[in-house]
Amino acid sequence: MTTKRPSRLREALLETADGMLRTGIVTKAEHGKITGRLLGTRPAPRVLSGDEIRAMRERAKMSQAVFALHLNVTTGYVSQLERGIKHPTGAALALLNVIHRKGIEAIL
């Protein structure tokens, strides 16, 4: 199996990001985000437990129905997530991670 060589554009962008880090234009964390996107090495979103999801919803002072509306899912799905019957995936998982990191205000 051969490893695919990065395109010239990707190489140029990585070189630019490295130069920006060396000159102090971006921080190491920002550099990591840039290179992670370019190389496809972003970490997988964190799977949240039902208790964590319930706590986030309660901190936002929202009912399951209102929380579901903001996640674009059904109330039943939120209930199943909170009880641990189902685990979030896709867009719901991404939104829950944003809410977990930055608070409900980030998606309102």
C-alpha atoms as a PDB file:
ATOM      1  CA  MET A   1       0.000   0.000   0.000  1.00  0.00           C
ATOM      2  CA  THR A   2       1.424   3.363  -0.988  1.00  0.00           C
ATOM      3  CA  THR A   3       1.005   6.558   0.997  1.00  0.00           C
ATOM      4  CA  LYS A   4      -0.579   9.391  -0.944  1.00  0.00           C
ATOM      5  CA  ARG A   5       1.762  12.365  -1.231  1.00  0.00           C
ATOM      6  CA  PRO A   6       0.261  15.711  -0.178  1.00  0.00           C
ATOM      7  CA  SER A   7      -0.671  18.001  -3.064  1.00  0.00           C
ATOM      8  CA  ARG A   8       1.540  20.982  -3.857  1.00  0.00           C
ATOM      9  CA  LEU A   9      -1.154  23.302  -2.529  1.00  0.00           C
ATOM     10  CA  ARG A  10      -1.370  21.394   0.747  1.00  0.00           C
ATOM     11  CA  GLU A  11       2.438  21.433   1.053  1.00  0.00           C
ATOM     12  CA  ALA A  12       2.469  25.187   0.445  1.00  0.00           C
ATOM     13  CA  LEU A  13      -0.245  25.753   3.062  1.00  0.00           C
ATOM     14  CA  LEU A  14       1.627  23.630   5.611  1.00  0.00           C
ATOM     15  CA  GLU A  15       4.839  25.529   4.891  1.00  0.00           C
ATOM     16  CA  THR A  16       2.987  28.822   5.329  1.00  0.00           C
ATOM     17  CA  ALA A  17       1.485  27.645   8.628  1.00  0.00           C
ATOM     18  CA  ASP A  18       4.955  26.608   9.840  1.00  0.00           C
ATOM     19  CA  GLY A  19       6.312  30.019   8.904  1.00  0.00           C
ATOM     20  CA  MET A  20       3.470  31.763  10.716  1.00  0.00           C
ATOM     21  CA  LEU A  21       4.256  29.743  13.838  1.00  0.00           C
ATOM     22  CA  ARG A  22       7.989  30.543  13.642  1.00  0.00           C
ATOM     23  CA  THR A  23       7.330  34.270  13.306  1.00  0.00           C
ATOM     24  CA  GLY A  24       4.737  34.305  16.059  1.00  0.00           C
ATOM     25  CA  ILE A  25       1.758  35.236  13.907  1.00  0.00           C
ATOM     26  CA  VAL A  26      -0.140  32.205  15.213  1.00  0.00           C
ATOM     27  CA  THR A  27       0.089  30.319  18.483  1.00  0.00           C
ATOM     28  CA  LYS A  28       1.041  26.668  18.736  1.00  0.00           C
ATOM     29  CA  ALA A  29      -2.625  25.804  19.371  1.00  0.00           C
ATOM     30  CA  GLU A  30      -3.745  27.727  16.273  1.00  0.00           C
ATOM     31  CA  HIS A  31      -0.999  26.061  14.237  1.00  0.00           C
ATOM     32  CA  GLY A  32      -2.242  22.676  15.426  1.00  0.00           C
ATOM     33  CA  LYS A  33      -5.764  23.476  14.262  1.00  0.00           C
ATOM     34  CA  ILE A  34      -4.542  24.566  10.836  1.00  0.00           C
ATOM     35  CA  THR A  35      -2.302  21.577  10.280  1.00  0.00           C
ATOM     36  CA  GLY A  36      -4.882  19.199  11.750  1.00  0.00           C
ATOM     37  CA  ARG A  37      -7.433  20.343   9.202  1.00  0.00           C
ATOM     38  CA  LEU A  38      -4.979  20.088   6.344  1.00  0.00           C
ATOM     39  CA  LEU A  39      -3.714  16.645   7.314  1.00  0.00           C
ATOM     40  CA  GLY A  40      -7.065  15.275   8.389  1.00  0.00           C
ATOM     41  CA  THR A  41      -5.874  14.488  11.902  1.00  0.00           C
ATOM     42  CA  ARG A  42      -8.521  16.280  13.915  1.00  0.00           C
ATOM     43  CA  PRO A  43      -9.442  14.456  17.094  1.00  0.00           C
ATOM     44  CA  ALA A  44     -12.768  12.670  17.199  1.00  0.00           C
ATOM     45  CA  PRO A  45     -15.513  14.512  19.057  1.00  0.00           C
ATOM     46  CA  ARG A  46     -15.925  13.470  22.679  1.00  0.00           C
ATOM     47  CA  VAL A  47     -18.912  11.220  23.332  1.00  0.00           C
ATOM     48  CA  LEU A  48     -20.860  12.665  26.249  1.00  0.00           C
ATOM     49  CA  SER A  49     -22.685  10.584  28.837  1.00  0.00           C
ATOM     50  CA  GLY A  50     -26.406  10.903  29.459  1.00  0.00           C
ATOM     51  CA  ASP A  51     -25.728  12.592  32.791  1.00  0.00           C
ATOM     52  CA  GLU A  52     -23.473  15.178  31.105  1.00  0.00           C
ATOM     53  CA  ILE A  53     -26.115  15.900  28.463  1.00  0.00           C
ATOM     54  CA  ARG A  54     -28.818  16.284  31.115  1.00  0.00           C
ATOM     55  CA  ALA A  55     -26.554  18.593  33.144  1.00  0.00           C
ATOM     56  CA  MET A  56     -25.874  20.776  30.081  1.00  0.00           C
ATOM     57  CA  ARG A  57     -29.605  21.025  29.360  1.00  0.00           C
ATOM     58  CA  GLU A  58     -30.424  21.865  32.972  1.00  0.00           C
ATOM     59  CA  ARG A  59     -27.627  24.464  33.114  1.00  0.00           C
ATOM     60  CA  ALA A  60     -29.211  26.072  30.045  1.00  0.00           C
ATOM     61  CA  LYS A  61     -32.561  26.024  31.911  1.00  0.00           C
ATOM     62  CA  MET A  62     -34.275  24.316  28.985  1.00  0.00           C
ATOM     63  CA  SER A  63     -36.867  21.598  28.759  1.00  0.00           C
ATOM     64  CA  GLN A  64     -36.089  18.529  26.686  1.00  0.00           C
ATOM     65  CA  ALA A  65     -38.394  19.880  23.968  1.00  0.00           C
ATOM     66  CA  VAL A  66     -36.622  23.238  23.716  1.00  0.00           C
ATOM     67  CA  PHE A  67     -33.169  21.612  23.875  1.00  0.00           C
ATOM     68  CA  ALA A  68     -34.233  19.200  21.107  1.00  0.00           C
ATOM     69  CA  LEU A  69     -35.409  22.115  18.988  1.00  0.00           C
ATOM     70  CA  HIS A  70     -31.957  23.739  19.185  1.00  0.00           C
ATOM     71  CA  LEU A  71     -30.230  20.446  18.319  1.00  0.00           C
ATOM     72  CA  ASN A  72     -32.719  19.811  15.484  1.00  0.00           C
ATOM     73  CA  VAL A  73     -33.646  16.416  16.925  1.00  0.00           C
ATOM     74  CA  THR A  74     -36.797  14.990  18.517  1.00  0.00           C
ATOM     75  CA  THR A  75     -37.686  15.263  22.186  1.00  0.00           C
ATOM     76  CA  GLY A  76     -37.691  11.471  22.361  1.00  0.00           C
ATOM     77  CA  TYR A  77     -34.107  11.374  21.084  1.00  0.00           C
ATOM     78  CA  VAL A  78     -32.978  13.817  23.793  1.00  0.00           C
ATOM     79  CA  SER A  79     -34.746  11.646  26.374  1.00  0.00           C
ATOM     80  CA  GLN A  80     -32.968   8.537  25.047  1.00  0.00           C
ATOM     81  CA  LEU A  81     -29.615  10.339  25.115  1.00  0.00           C
ATOM     82  CA  GLU A  82     -30.119  11.438  28.710  1.00  0.00           C
ATOM     83  CA  ARG A  83     -31.115   7.920  29.786  1.00  0.00           C
ATOM     84  CA  GLY A  84     -28.095   6.431  28.005  1.00  0.00           C
ATOM     85  CA  ILE A  85     -30.215   4.319  25.655  1.00  0.00           C
ATOM     86  CA  LYS A  86     -28.670   6.038  22.635  1.00  0.00           C
ATOM     87  CA  HIS A  87     -25.402   7.861  22.091  1.00  0.00           C
ATOM     88  CA  PRO A  88     -25.201  11.049  20.017  1.00  0.00           C
ATOM     89  CA  THR A  89     -23.745  10.894  16.522  1.00  0.00           C
ATOM     90  CA  GLY A  90     -23.226  13.234  13.597  1.00  0.00           C
ATOM     91  CA  ALA A  91     -24.406  16.808  13.836  1.00  0.00           C
ATOM     92  CA  ALA A  92     -26.017  16.276  17.260  1.00  0.00           C
ATOM     93  CA  LEU A  93     -22.678  15.059  18.643  1.00  0.00           C
ATOM     94  CA  ALA A  94     -20.877  18.055  17.142  1.00  0.00           C
ATOM     95  CA  LEU A  95     -23.404  20.526  18.583  1.00  0.00           C
ATOM     96  CA  LEU A  96     -23.310  18.863  22.008  1.00  0.00           C
ATOM     97  CA  ASN A  97     -19.518  19.178  22.029  1.00  0.00           C
ATOM     98  CA  VAL A  98     -19.776  22.877  21.168  1.00  0.00           C
ATOM     99  CA  ILE A  99     -22.318  23.367  23.971  1.00  0.00           C
ATOM    100  CA  HIS A 100     -20.099  21.407  26.360  1.00  0.00           C
ATOM    101  CA  ARG A 101     -17.043  23.551  25.549  1.00  0.00           C
ATOM    102  CA  LYS A 102     -18.606  26.999  25.087  1.00  0.00           C
ATOM    103  CA  GLY A 103     -22.075  26.914  26.607  1.00  0.00           C
ATOM    104  CA  ILE A 104     -25.525  26.991  25.057  1.00  0.00           C
ATOM    105  CA  GLU A 105     -25.005  30.617  23.963  1.00  0.00           C
ATOM    106  CA  ALA A 106     -22.652  29.383  21.237  1.00  0.00           C
ATOM    107  CA  ILE A 107     -25.530  27.912  19.225  1.00  0.00           C
ATOM    108  CA  LEU A 108     -28.304  30.391  19.988  1.00  0.00           C
END
